[in-house]
Amino acid sequence: MNLKPTLLLHICCAPCSTHVIDTLKEDFRVTGFFYNPNIHPSNEYSRRLDEMKSYSQKAGIELFIDGYETEMWHEAVKGYETEPEGGKRCHICYTLRLERLAKVGKEKRYEYITTTLSTSPYKDAGVLNSIGESMASSYGLKFYAADFKKKDGFKISCIKARAHDMYRQSYCGCNYSKR
C-alpha cells in the first residue's frame, strides 16, 4: 500500500483553510494545527477556534489545538507595536507560530509542515516560505512551500467559506492589525 506522506498544517482561520485543505489532501494525509497566540481579544480567538473545530469535522481532518499564549506573544513583539502590517512584528509572529508547528510536527513524527497564512493577500509568501523552510530544517522536517493565494486561491477560499456560512474576520488577528 502506497500511503501519502503526512503533513501538519498550521491554520490561521477556517476561511483560509478551506481551499488549502482541499488542495493538500490530494497529495498528503493532512492534520490541522491551530496555534495563534496573536489573536485578540479572547472572544475573537474563541470564535475563530470554534469555526475551525466545526470545519475540521466537515473537512474530515484531525485538528490539534495548542495553547493560547498571549502574554508570550506580546512579549515577543514588544517594541514593534507601531510596525506596519507585514513588517518586523509580523515576521516575529510568523516565526513563533511556525517554530511551534515544526516542534509539534517533529514530536508527532510528521514528514511535512506548512501554513495557510499565504492564502491572505496581505501576507508575503516568500517571507513565510523562508521562515517555514528554516524552521522545518531545524527540526528535521520538510516544508511544503506554497503561495496559496495564487491561481485564485484566495478567491476560491472566499467562495468555499461563504458556501459553509463561515464567519470571516475583518483583520489578521492581533490588536495592532485591527487598526
N, C-alpha and C. Protein backbone atom coordinates (compact mmCIF):
# COMPACT_ATOMS: atom_id res chain seq x y z
N MET A 1 0.84 -1.18 0.00
CA MET A 1 0.00 0.00 0.00
C MET A 1 0.89 1.24 0.00
N ASN A 2 0.62 2.14 -0.90
CA ASN A 2 1.40 3.37 -1.01
C ASN A 2 0.66 4.50 -0.30
N LEU A 3 1.05 4.79 0.93
CA LEU A 3 0.40 5.84 1.70
C LEU A 3 0.95 7.21 1.34
N LYS A 4 0.09 8.19 1.38
CA LYS A 4 0.50 9.57 1.17
C LYS A 4 1.34 10.02 2.36
N PRO A 5 2.29 10.95 2.15
CA PRO A 5 3.07 11.46 3.28
C PRO A 5 2.19 12.28 4.22
N THR A 6 2.63 12.37 5.46
CA THR A 6 1.89 13.12 6.47
C THR A 6 2.31 14.59 6.45
N LEU A 7 1.32 15.46 6.72
CA LEU A 7 1.58 16.89 6.73
C LEU A 7 0.80 17.53 7.87
N LEU A 8 1.50 18.33 8.68
CA LEU A 8 0.86 19.09 9.75
C LEU A 8 0.70 20.52 9.24
N LEU A 9 -0.55 20.96 9.18
CA LEU A 9 -0.91 22.24 8.58
C LEU A 9 -1.24 23.27 9.65
N HIS A 10 -0.42 24.31 9.75
CA HIS A 10 -0.76 25.42 10.64
C HIS A 10 -1.94 26.15 10.02
N ILE A 11 -3.00 26.36 10.81
CA ILE A 11 -4.21 27.01 10.32
C ILE A 11 -4.43 28.30 11.10
N CYS A 12 -4.54 29.40 10.35
CA CYS A 12 -4.78 30.69 10.99
C CYS A 12 -6.27 30.92 11.24
N CYS A 13 -7.12 30.39 10.34
CA CYS A 13 -8.56 30.55 10.48
C CYS A 13 -9.26 29.59 9.51
N ALA A 14 -10.50 29.29 9.79
CA ALA A 14 -11.25 28.36 8.95
C ALA A 14 -11.41 28.83 7.51
N PRO A 15 -11.78 30.10 7.26
CA PRO A 15 -11.95 30.51 5.87
C PRO A 15 -10.70 30.31 5.02
N CYS A 16 -9.54 30.64 5.56
CA CYS A 16 -8.30 30.46 4.79
C CYS A 16 -7.96 28.98 4.61
N SER A 17 -8.45 28.14 5.49
CA SER A 17 -8.11 26.72 5.42
C SER A 17 -8.86 25.94 4.35
N THR A 18 -10.00 26.43 3.91
CA THR A 18 -10.88 25.64 3.04
C THR A 18 -10.19 25.15 1.78
N HIS A 19 -9.69 26.07 1.00
CA HIS A 19 -9.04 25.71 -0.26
C HIS A 19 -7.71 24.98 -0.01
N VAL A 20 -6.99 25.41 1.01
CA VAL A 20 -5.69 24.80 1.32
C VAL A 20 -5.87 23.33 1.68
N ILE A 21 -6.81 23.02 2.55
CA ILE A 21 -7.04 21.63 2.94
C ILE A 21 -7.41 20.79 1.73
N ASP A 22 -8.33 21.29 0.93
CA ASP A 22 -8.73 20.53 -0.27
C ASP A 22 -7.56 20.30 -1.21
N THR A 23 -6.73 21.30 -1.39
CA THR A 23 -5.55 21.19 -2.26
C THR A 23 -4.55 20.17 -1.71
N LEU A 24 -4.24 20.28 -0.42
CA LEU A 24 -3.23 19.41 0.17
C LEU A 24 -3.69 17.96 0.30
N LYS A 25 -4.97 17.74 0.51
CA LYS A 25 -5.48 16.37 0.67
C LYS A 25 -5.27 15.52 -0.58
N GLU A 26 -5.05 16.16 -1.72
CA GLU A 26 -4.79 15.41 -2.95
C GLU A 26 -3.49 14.61 -2.84
N ASP A 27 -2.50 15.17 -2.13
CA ASP A 27 -1.17 14.55 -2.07
C ASP A 27 -0.68 14.18 -0.68
N PHE A 28 -1.41 14.59 0.37
CA PHE A 28 -0.94 14.36 1.74
C PHE A 28 -2.06 13.86 2.65
N ARG A 29 -1.66 13.24 3.74
CA ARG A 29 -2.56 12.97 4.85
C ARG A 29 -2.42 14.18 5.77
N VAL A 30 -3.44 15.03 5.77
CA VAL A 30 -3.38 16.34 6.42
C VAL A 30 -3.98 16.30 7.83
N THR A 31 -3.27 16.93 8.74
CA THR A 31 -3.77 17.18 10.09
C THR A 31 -3.66 18.67 10.33
N GLY A 32 -4.70 19.27 10.89
CA GLY A 32 -4.68 20.69 11.19
C GLY A 32 -4.02 20.98 12.53
N PHE A 33 -3.46 22.18 12.64
CA PHE A 33 -2.80 22.63 13.85
C PHE A 33 -3.18 24.09 14.09
N PHE A 34 -3.93 24.34 15.14
CA PHE A 34 -4.39 25.68 15.45
C PHE A 34 -3.56 26.24 16.60
N TYR A 35 -2.65 27.14 16.26
CA TYR A 35 -1.81 27.82 17.26
C TYR A 35 -1.69 29.28 16.84
N ASN A 36 -2.40 30.15 17.54
CA ASN A 36 -2.48 31.56 17.16
C ASN A 36 -2.55 32.46 18.39
N PRO A 37 -1.41 32.60 19.10
CA PRO A 37 -1.41 33.43 20.32
C PRO A 37 -1.55 34.92 20.01
N ASN A 38 -1.51 35.27 18.75
CA ASN A 38 -1.63 36.66 18.32
C ASN A 38 -3.06 37.17 18.29
N ILE A 39 -4.03 36.29 18.25
CA ILE A 39 -5.43 36.71 18.06
C ILE A 39 -5.98 37.36 19.32
N HIS A 40 -6.50 38.57 19.11
CA HIS A 40 -7.09 39.34 20.21
C HIS A 40 -8.38 39.98 19.75
N PRO A 41 -9.30 40.19 20.63
CA PRO A 41 -9.35 39.75 22.02
C PRO A 41 -9.69 38.26 22.12
N SER A 42 -9.80 37.77 23.34
CA SER A 42 -10.01 36.34 23.56
C SER A 42 -11.33 35.84 22.96
N ASN A 43 -12.36 36.68 22.92
CA ASN A 43 -13.62 36.22 22.31
C ASN A 43 -13.47 36.05 20.80
N GLU A 44 -12.59 36.84 20.18
CA GLU A 44 -12.29 36.66 18.75
C GLU A 44 -11.55 35.34 18.54
N TYR A 45 -10.59 35.07 19.42
CA TYR A 45 -9.86 33.81 19.36
C TYR A 45 -10.84 32.63 19.46
N SER A 46 -11.72 32.69 20.44
CA SER A 46 -12.70 31.60 20.64
C SER A 46 -13.60 31.43 19.43
N ARG A 47 -14.01 32.52 18.85
CA ARG A 47 -14.89 32.44 17.67
C ARG A 47 -14.18 31.77 16.50
N ARG A 48 -12.92 32.15 16.26
CA ARG A 48 -12.15 31.55 15.17
C ARG A 48 -11.86 30.08 15.44
N LEU A 49 -11.55 29.76 16.68
CA LEU A 49 -11.28 28.38 17.03
C LEU A 49 -12.54 27.52 16.87
N ASP A 50 -13.67 27.99 17.34
CA ASP A 50 -14.92 27.24 17.19
C ASP A 50 -15.24 27.00 15.72
N GLU A 51 -15.03 28.01 14.89
CA GLU A 51 -15.27 27.88 13.45
C GLU A 51 -14.35 26.80 12.86
N MET A 52 -13.10 26.79 13.31
CA MET A 52 -12.15 25.80 12.79
C MET A 52 -12.47 24.40 13.28
N LYS A 53 -12.89 24.26 14.52
CA LYS A 53 -13.30 22.94 15.02
C LYS A 53 -14.43 22.38 14.17
N SER A 54 -15.40 23.21 13.90
CA SER A 54 -16.55 22.79 13.09
C SER A 54 -16.11 22.41 11.68
N TYR A 55 -15.28 23.25 11.07
CA TYR A 55 -14.87 22.96 9.69
C TYR A 55 -13.95 21.75 9.59
N SER A 56 -13.11 21.52 10.57
CA SER A 56 -12.21 20.36 10.50
C SER A 56 -13.02 19.06 10.46
N GLN A 57 -14.14 19.03 11.16
CA GLN A 57 -15.01 17.85 11.10
C GLN A 57 -15.62 17.69 9.71
N LYS A 58 -16.08 18.79 9.13
CA LYS A 58 -16.65 18.75 7.77
C LYS A 58 -15.60 18.33 6.74
N ALA A 59 -14.38 18.80 6.94
CA ALA A 59 -13.28 18.51 6.00
C ALA A 59 -12.70 17.12 6.22
N GLY A 60 -13.04 16.51 7.34
CA GLY A 60 -12.55 15.16 7.63
C GLY A 60 -11.09 15.10 8.02
N ILE A 61 -10.63 16.13 8.75
CA ILE A 61 -9.25 16.11 9.23
C ILE A 61 -9.21 16.22 10.75
N GLU A 62 -8.19 15.65 11.31
CA GLU A 62 -7.95 15.81 12.75
C GLU A 62 -7.42 17.22 12.98
N LEU A 63 -7.72 17.79 14.14
CA LEU A 63 -7.26 19.13 14.48
C LEU A 63 -6.61 19.12 15.85
N PHE A 64 -5.34 19.51 15.89
CA PHE A 64 -4.64 19.72 17.16
C PHE A 64 -4.77 21.19 17.52
N ILE A 65 -5.03 21.46 18.79
CA ILE A 65 -5.16 22.83 19.28
C ILE A 65 -4.07 23.04 20.32
N ASP A 66 -3.24 24.04 20.10
CA ASP A 66 -2.17 24.33 21.04
C ASP A 66 -2.56 25.53 21.90
N GLY A 67 -1.74 25.86 22.87
CA GLY A 67 -2.05 26.88 23.86
C GLY A 67 -2.30 28.28 23.30
N TYR A 68 -3.01 29.05 24.07
CA TYR A 68 -3.31 30.44 23.73
C TYR A 68 -2.42 31.31 24.60
N GLU A 69 -1.20 31.54 24.16
CA GLU A 69 -0.15 32.18 24.95
C GLU A 69 0.01 33.66 24.60
N THR A 70 -0.99 34.43 24.96
CA THR A 70 -0.99 35.84 24.56
C THR A 70 0.11 36.65 25.24
N GLU A 71 0.41 36.35 26.48
CA GLU A 71 1.45 37.11 27.18
C GLU A 71 2.81 36.90 26.52
N MET A 72 3.10 35.65 26.17
CA MET A 72 4.36 35.34 25.49
C MET A 72 4.41 36.07 24.15
N TRP A 73 3.29 36.08 23.43
CA TRP A 73 3.24 36.75 22.12
C TRP A 73 3.50 38.25 22.28
N HIS A 74 2.82 38.89 23.24
CA HIS A 74 3.02 40.32 23.46
C HIS A 74 4.47 40.64 23.82
N GLU A 75 5.07 39.78 24.61
CA GLU A 75 6.46 39.99 24.99
C GLU A 75 7.38 39.87 23.76
N ALA A 76 7.09 38.93 22.90
CA ALA A 76 7.91 38.71 21.70
C ALA A 76 7.86 39.89 20.72
N VAL A 77 6.71 40.53 20.62
CA VAL A 77 6.56 41.64 19.66
C VAL A 77 6.73 43.02 20.30
N LYS A 78 7.09 43.02 21.58
CA LYS A 78 7.27 44.28 22.31
C LYS A 78 8.32 45.15 21.59
N GLY A 79 7.95 46.41 21.38
CA GLY A 79 8.82 47.34 20.68
C GLY A 79 8.48 47.45 19.20
N TYR A 80 7.64 46.56 18.71
CA TYR A 80 7.25 46.55 17.29
C TYR A 80 5.77 46.85 17.10
N GLU A 81 5.15 47.41 18.11
CA GLU A 81 3.71 47.67 18.07
C GLU A 81 3.29 48.59 16.92
N THR A 82 4.14 49.53 16.56
CA THR A 82 3.78 50.50 15.52
C THR A 82 4.24 50.10 14.12
N GLU A 83 4.83 48.94 14.00
CA GLU A 83 5.26 48.45 12.68
C GLU A 83 4.06 48.34 11.75
N PRO A 84 4.26 48.58 10.47
CA PRO A 84 3.15 48.41 9.53
C PRO A 84 2.82 46.93 9.35
N GLU A 85 1.62 46.66 8.89
CA GLU A 85 1.21 45.29 8.61
C GLU A 85 2.20 44.69 7.60
N GLY A 86 2.69 43.50 7.90
CA GLY A 86 3.68 42.85 7.05
C GLY A 86 5.11 43.15 7.45
N GLY A 87 5.31 44.00 8.45
CA GLY A 87 6.65 44.40 8.88
C GLY A 87 7.27 43.42 9.87
N LYS A 88 8.22 43.93 10.64
CA LYS A 88 9.00 43.10 11.57
C LYS A 88 8.14 42.39 12.60
N ARG A 89 7.10 43.06 13.10
CA ARG A 89 6.21 42.43 14.08
C ARG A 89 5.60 41.16 13.49
N CYS A 90 5.14 41.26 12.26
CA CYS A 90 4.53 40.09 11.61
C CYS A 90 5.55 38.97 11.41
N HIS A 91 6.79 39.33 11.06
CA HIS A 91 7.81 38.31 10.86
C HIS A 91 8.10 37.57 12.17
N ILE A 92 8.10 38.29 13.27
CA ILE A 92 8.28 37.66 14.58
C ILE A 92 7.11 36.72 14.85
N CYS A 93 5.91 37.18 14.58
CA CYS A 93 4.71 36.38 14.80
C CYS A 93 4.73 35.11 13.95
N TYR A 94 5.09 35.23 12.68
CA TYR A 94 5.18 34.06 11.80
C TYR A 94 6.19 33.06 12.36
N THR A 95 7.34 33.59 12.78
CA THR A 95 8.41 32.72 13.30
C THR A 95 7.95 31.97 14.54
N LEU A 96 7.27 32.65 15.46
CA LEU A 96 6.77 31.99 16.67
C LEU A 96 5.83 30.83 16.31
N ARG A 97 4.89 31.11 15.43
CA ARG A 97 3.90 30.10 15.09
C ARG A 97 4.49 28.96 14.28
N LEU A 98 5.37 29.27 13.34
CA LEU A 98 5.95 28.21 12.52
C LEU A 98 6.99 27.39 13.28
N GLU A 99 7.65 28.01 14.25
CA GLU A 99 8.56 27.22 15.08
C GLU A 99 7.77 26.23 15.94
N ARG A 100 6.66 26.67 16.50
CA ARG A 100 5.82 25.76 17.28
C ARG A 100 5.29 24.64 16.40
N LEU A 101 4.88 24.99 15.18
CA LEU A 101 4.42 23.98 14.22
C LEU A 101 5.50 22.93 13.98
N ALA A 102 6.73 23.38 13.75
CA ALA A 102 7.83 22.45 13.50
C ALA A 102 8.13 21.59 14.72
N LYS A 103 8.09 22.19 15.88
CA LYS A 103 8.36 21.43 17.11
C LYS A 103 7.31 20.34 17.30
N VAL A 104 6.05 20.68 17.15
CA VAL A 104 4.98 19.69 17.29
C VAL A 104 5.04 18.68 16.16
N GLY A 105 5.35 19.14 14.95
CA GLY A 105 5.49 18.23 13.82
C GLY A 105 6.55 17.18 14.08
N LYS A 106 7.66 17.59 14.64
CA LYS A 106 8.75 16.66 14.98
C LYS A 106 8.30 15.69 16.07
N GLU A 107 7.68 16.23 17.14
CA GLU A 107 7.23 15.39 18.26
C GLU A 107 6.23 14.32 17.80
N LYS A 108 5.35 14.71 16.87
CA LYS A 108 4.30 13.79 16.42
C LYS A 108 4.68 13.04 15.15
N ARG A 109 5.92 13.19 14.73
CA ARG A 109 6.50 12.43 13.62
C ARG A 109 5.84 12.68 12.26
N TYR A 110 5.56 13.94 11.97
CA TYR A 110 5.07 14.30 10.64
C TYR A 110 6.25 14.41 9.69
N GLU A 111 6.00 14.24 8.41
CA GLU A 111 7.05 14.36 7.41
C GLU A 111 7.17 15.80 6.90
N TYR A 112 6.01 16.46 6.73
CA TYR A 112 5.95 17.80 6.19
C TYR A 112 5.18 18.72 7.13
N ILE A 113 5.48 20.01 6.99
CA ILE A 113 4.68 21.05 7.64
C ILE A 113 4.44 22.16 6.63
N THR A 114 3.38 22.92 6.83
CA THR A 114 3.13 24.13 6.05
C THR A 114 2.07 24.96 6.77
N THR A 115 1.71 26.09 6.18
CA THR A 115 0.77 27.01 6.81
C THR A 115 -0.24 27.56 5.82
N THR A 116 -1.41 27.90 6.31
CA THR A 116 -2.44 28.54 5.49
C THR A 116 -2.19 30.04 5.34
N LEU A 117 -1.24 30.59 6.06
CA LEU A 117 -1.04 32.04 6.10
C LEU A 117 -0.87 32.67 4.72
N SER A 118 -0.29 31.95 3.77
CA SER A 118 -0.06 32.54 2.44
C SER A 118 -1.34 32.67 1.62
N THR A 119 -2.47 32.23 2.16
CA THR A 119 -3.75 32.42 1.48
C THR A 119 -4.12 33.90 1.45
N SER A 120 -3.75 34.62 2.47
CA SER A 120 -4.10 36.03 2.59
C SER A 120 -3.38 36.90 1.56
N PRO A 121 -4.09 37.81 0.93
CA PRO A 121 -3.43 38.74 0.01
C PRO A 121 -2.50 39.72 0.74
N TYR A 122 -2.57 39.76 2.06
CA TYR A 122 -1.75 40.66 2.86
C TYR A 122 -0.47 40.01 3.37
N LYS A 123 -0.27 38.74 3.05
CA LYS A 123 0.90 38.02 3.55
C LYS A 123 1.86 37.72 2.41
N ASP A 124 3.15 37.94 2.67
CA ASP A 124 4.21 37.70 1.69
C ASP A 124 4.62 36.23 1.76
N ALA A 125 4.24 35.48 0.73
CA ALA A 125 4.54 34.05 0.71
C ALA A 125 6.05 33.77 0.73
N GLY A 126 6.83 34.64 0.11
CA GLY A 126 8.28 34.45 0.13
C GLY A 126 8.84 34.49 1.54
N VAL A 127 8.38 35.43 2.33
CA VAL A 127 8.82 35.54 3.72
C VAL A 127 8.34 34.31 4.51
N LEU A 128 7.07 33.96 4.34
CA LEU A 128 6.52 32.80 5.06
C LEU A 128 7.26 31.52 4.69
N ASN A 129 7.51 31.31 3.41
CA ASN A 129 8.19 30.10 2.97
C ASN A 129 9.62 30.04 3.48
N SER A 130 10.30 31.18 3.51
CA SER A 130 11.66 31.23 4.02
C SER A 130 11.70 30.86 5.51
N ILE A 131 10.81 31.44 6.28
CA ILE A 131 10.74 31.13 7.71
C ILE A 131 10.35 29.67 7.90
N GLY A 132 9.35 29.21 7.16
CA GLY A 132 8.89 27.83 7.28
C GLY A 132 9.97 26.83 6.93
N GLU A 133 10.72 27.09 5.87
CA GLU A 133 11.81 26.18 5.48
C GLU A 133 12.89 26.14 6.55
N SER A 134 13.21 27.29 7.12
CA SER A 134 14.21 27.35 8.18
C SER A 134 13.76 26.56 9.40
N MET A 135 12.52 26.76 9.81
CA MET A 135 12.00 26.04 10.98
C MET A 135 11.94 24.54 10.72
N ALA A 136 11.45 24.16 9.56
CA ALA A 136 11.36 22.73 9.22
C ALA A 136 12.74 22.10 9.23
N SER A 137 13.70 22.75 8.62
CA SER A 137 15.07 22.24 8.56
C SER A 137 15.65 22.06 9.97
N SER A 138 15.38 23.03 10.84
CA SER A 138 15.88 22.96 12.22
C SER A 138 15.37 21.74 12.97
N TYR A 139 14.19 21.26 12.58
CA TYR A 139 13.58 20.12 13.26
C TYR A 139 13.61 18.84 12.42
N GLY A 140 14.35 18.84 11.33
CA GLY A 140 14.50 17.65 10.50
C GLY A 140 13.24 17.29 9.72
N LEU A 141 12.46 18.31 9.36
CA LEU A 141 11.23 18.10 8.59
C LEU A 141 11.35 18.74 7.21
N LYS A 142 10.37 18.46 6.37
CA LYS A 142 10.28 19.11 5.06
C LYS A 142 9.18 20.16 5.14
N PHE A 143 9.40 21.27 4.45
CA PHE A 143 8.39 22.33 4.40
C PHE A 143 7.77 22.35 3.02
N TYR A 144 6.46 22.35 2.97
CA TYR A 144 5.74 22.47 1.71
C TYR A 144 5.58 23.95 1.41
N ALA A 145 6.44 24.45 0.53
CA ALA A 145 6.43 25.88 0.19
C ALA A 145 5.32 26.14 -0.82
N ALA A 146 4.51 27.17 -0.54
CA ALA A 146 3.40 27.48 -1.42
C ALA A 146 3.00 28.94 -1.27
N ASP A 147 2.30 29.41 -2.27
CA ASP A 147 1.62 30.70 -2.19
C ASP A 147 0.17 30.38 -2.50
N PHE A 148 -0.60 30.06 -1.46
CA PHE A 148 -1.95 29.55 -1.64
C PHE A 148 -2.93 30.59 -2.19
N LYS A 149 -2.53 31.86 -2.23
CA LYS A 149 -3.42 32.87 -2.80
C LYS A 149 -3.37 32.84 -4.34
N LYS A 150 -2.32 32.26 -4.90
CA LYS A 150 -2.14 32.20 -6.35
C LYS A 150 -3.18 31.28 -6.98
N LYS A 151 -3.33 31.39 -8.28
CA LYS A 151 -4.29 30.60 -9.04
C LYS A 151 -5.69 30.73 -8.46
N ASP A 152 -6.03 31.97 -8.07
CA ASP A 152 -7.34 32.29 -7.49
C ASP A 152 -7.59 31.61 -6.15
N GLY A 153 -6.53 31.21 -5.46
CA GLY A 153 -6.68 30.52 -4.17
C GLY A 153 -7.44 31.32 -3.14
N PHE A 154 -7.15 32.61 -3.03
CA PHE A 154 -7.87 33.44 -2.07
C PHE A 154 -9.34 33.52 -2.46
N LYS A 155 -9.60 33.75 -3.73
CA LYS A 155 -10.98 33.84 -4.22
C LYS A 155 -11.73 32.53 -3.98
N ILE A 156 -11.10 31.41 -4.25
CA ILE A 156 -11.73 30.10 -4.04
C ILE A 156 -12.01 29.89 -2.55
N SER A 157 -11.07 30.29 -1.70
CA SER A 157 -11.29 30.13 -0.25
C SER A 157 -12.48 30.97 0.20
N CYS A 158 -12.63 32.15 -0.37
CA CYS A 158 -13.78 33.01 -0.02
C CYS A 158 -15.09 32.37 -0.46
N ILE A 159 -15.11 31.81 -1.65
CA ILE A 159 -16.32 31.14 -2.16
C ILE A 159 -16.68 29.95 -1.27
N LYS A 160 -15.68 29.15 -0.92
CA LYS A 160 -15.92 27.98 -0.08
C LYS A 160 -16.37 28.39 1.33
N ALA A 161 -15.79 29.44 1.86
CA ALA A 161 -16.18 29.92 3.19
C ALA A 161 -17.64 30.38 3.19
N ARG A 162 -18.02 31.09 2.14
CA ARG A 162 -19.43 31.52 2.03
C ARG A 162 -20.36 30.32 1.90
N ALA A 163 -19.94 29.33 1.14
CA ALA A 163 -20.76 28.12 0.94
C ALA A 163 -20.98 27.39 2.27
N HIS A 164 -20.02 27.50 3.17
CA HIS A 164 -20.13 26.86 4.50
C HIS A 164 -20.65 27.83 5.55
N ASP A 165 -21.06 29.03 5.11
CA ASP A 165 -21.59 30.06 6.00
C ASP A 165 -20.65 30.34 7.17
N MET A 166 -19.37 30.53 6.85
CA MET A 166 -18.34 30.75 7.86
C MET A 166 -18.24 32.20 8.27
N TYR A 167 -17.88 32.40 9.50
CA TYR A 167 -17.50 33.71 9.99
C TYR A 167 -16.15 34.07 9.39
N ARG A 168 -16.05 35.23 8.76
CA ARG A 168 -14.78 35.72 8.23
C ARG A 168 -14.44 37.01 8.96
N GLN A 169 -13.31 37.01 9.61
CA GLN A 169 -12.85 38.16 10.38
C GLN A 169 -12.44 39.30 9.45
N SER A 170 -12.36 40.48 10.00
CA SER A 170 -12.00 41.66 9.21
C SER A 170 -10.57 42.13 9.45
N TYR A 171 -9.79 41.36 10.22
CA TYR A 171 -8.39 41.72 10.47
C TYR A 171 -7.59 40.46 10.74
N CYS A 172 -6.29 40.58 10.62
CA CYS A 172 -5.39 39.42 10.74
C CYS A 172 -5.59 38.68 12.05
N GLY A 173 -5.66 39.42 13.12
CA GLY A 173 -5.82 38.76 14.41
C GLY A 173 -5.30 39.55 15.58
N CYS A 174 -4.13 40.16 15.41
CA CYS A 174 -3.58 40.88 16.56
C CYS A 174 -4.23 42.25 16.71
N ASN A 175 -4.17 42.77 17.91
CA ASN A 175 -4.80 44.05 18.17
C ASN A 175 -4.15 45.18 17.38
N TYR A 176 -2.91 45.00 16.93
CA TYR A 176 -2.24 46.03 16.14
C TYR A 176 -2.73 46.01 14.69
N SER A 177 -3.04 44.84 14.18
CA SER A 177 -3.53 44.75 12.80
C SER A 177 -4.97 45.25 12.69
N LYS A 178 -5.64 45.27 13.81
CA LYS A 178 -7.04 45.74 13.82
C LYS A 178 -7.12 47.22 13.44
N ARG A 179 -6.04 47.95 13.70
CA ARG A 179 -6.01 49.37 13.35
C ARG A 179 -6.08 49.50 11.86
